[in-house]
Amino acid sequence: MSKNISNVSFRIDSKLKNEATELFESMGLTLTAAFNIFLRQAVREKGMPFVVTTVVPNKETVKAIKETKEIAKNHNTKGYPLGEALKELKK
């Protein structure tokens, strides 16, 4: 069974391409597979498969995001007990 395959060519910043390739390879994907996933999701959603915005998080939010990623990546990193986190949310 043969598939209809089309080639697409576009320009991309070399550094971005290398970073994206490294990221996707760490997930077991090729750059081609990642683009196919993006395009299929865009078609399924009938739009961008994520929110595109000009809103930039403030420094506190950026710090919290980095901290969360570090906690998720390194289980030895100090986290926050659930009760303490819930108290913070209620403030």
Protein backbone atom coordinates (compact mmCIF):
# COMPACT_ATOMS: atom_id res chain seq x y z
CA MET A 1 0.00 0.00 0.00
CA SER A 2 1.57 3.30 -1.05
CA LYS A 3 1.01 6.61 0.71
CA ASN A 4 0.72 10.00 -0.92
CA ILE A 5 3.77 11.81 0.41
CA SER A 6 4.63 15.47 -0.24
CA ASN A 7 7.85 17.25 0.56
CA VAL A 8 7.72 20.64 2.27
CA SER A 9 10.68 22.98 2.37
CA PHE A 10 11.05 26.08 4.51
CA ARG A 11 13.75 28.12 6.18
CA ILE A 12 14.37 27.98 9.91
CA ASP A 13 17.03 29.42 12.19
CA SER A 14 19.83 26.84 12.57
CA LYS A 15 20.00 27.16 16.35
CA LEU A 16 16.22 26.69 16.67
CA LYS A 17 16.35 23.66 14.36
CA ASN A 18 19.13 22.07 16.42
CA GLU A 19 17.34 22.75 19.72
CA ALA A 20 14.05 21.39 18.37
CA THR A 21 15.76 18.31 16.91
CA GLU A 22 17.43 17.60 20.25
CA LEU A 23 14.14 18.06 22.12
CA PHE A 24 12.14 15.82 19.82
CA GLU A 25 14.86 13.16 19.73
CA SER A 26 14.73 13.07 23.54
CA MET A 27 11.05 12.15 23.12
CA GLY A 28 11.82 9.51 20.50
CA LEU A 29 10.59 11.65 17.60
CA THR A 30 12.17 12.93 14.43
CA LEU A 31 11.66 16.53 13.39
CA THR A 32 9.45 15.24 10.56
CA ALA A 33 7.29 13.26 13.00
CA ALA A 34 6.96 16.30 15.28
CA PHE A 35 5.84 18.49 12.37
CA ASN A 36 3.33 15.85 11.31
CA ILE A 37 1.92 15.74 14.85
CA PHE A 38 1.65 19.54 14.87
CA LEU A 39 -0.11 19.64 11.49
CA ARG A 40 -2.52 16.82 12.36
CA GLN A 41 -3.45 18.52 15.61
CA ALA A 42 -3.91 21.88 13.84
CA VAL A 43 -6.23 20.26 11.29
CA ARG A 44 -8.13 18.45 14.05
CA GLU A 45 -8.51 21.69 16.07
CA LYS A 46 -9.19 23.72 12.92
CA GLY A 47 -6.64 26.27 14.16
CA MET A 48 -3.43 26.56 16.11
CA PRO A 49 -3.15 23.63 18.54
CA PHE A 50 -2.04 25.98 21.30
CA VAL A 51 -2.72 29.53 22.39
CA VAL A 52 -0.65 32.14 20.59
CA THR A 53 -0.33 35.27 22.68
CA THR A 54 1.85 38.29 23.25
CA VAL A 55 1.36 38.04 27.01
CA VAL A 56 4.69 37.52 28.75
CA PRO A 57 4.69 36.08 32.28
CA ASN A 58 6.11 38.31 35.01
CA LYS A 59 9.40 37.48 36.78
CA GLU A 60 7.64 35.73 39.69
CA THR A 61 5.70 33.46 37.33
CA VAL A 62 8.83 32.66 35.29
CA LYS A 63 10.66 31.79 38.53
CA ALA A 64 7.76 29.54 39.63
CA ILE A 65 7.69 27.77 36.25
CA LYS A 66 11.45 27.11 36.40
CA GLU A 67 11.14 25.87 40.00
CA THR A 68 8.28 23.55 39.05
CA LYS A 69 10.25 22.08 36.16
CA GLU A 70 13.26 21.53 38.45
CA ILE A 71 11.12 19.78 41.08
CA ALA A 72 9.57 17.56 38.39
CA LYS A 73 12.97 16.74 36.90
CA ASN A 74 14.89 16.16 40.15
CA HIS A 75 13.00 14.30 42.86
CA ASN A 76 15.66 15.28 45.42
CA THR A 77 14.74 18.96 45.01
CA LYS A 78 12.74 20.35 47.91
CA GLY A 79 9.08 20.55 47.01
CA TYR A 80 6.08 21.87 48.87
CA PRO A 81 3.73 19.82 51.04
CA LEU A 82 0.20 19.79 49.62
CA GLY A 83 -1.31 21.44 52.71
CA GLU A 84 1.17 24.31 52.52
CA ALA A 85 0.51 24.79 48.81
CA LEU A 86 -3.27 24.90 49.38
CA LYS A 87 -2.84 27.52 52.15
CA GLU A 88 -0.82 29.67 49.73
CA LEU A 89 -3.55 29.40 47.11
CA LYS A 90 -6.19 30.59 49.58
CA LYS A 91 -4.27 33.81 50.36
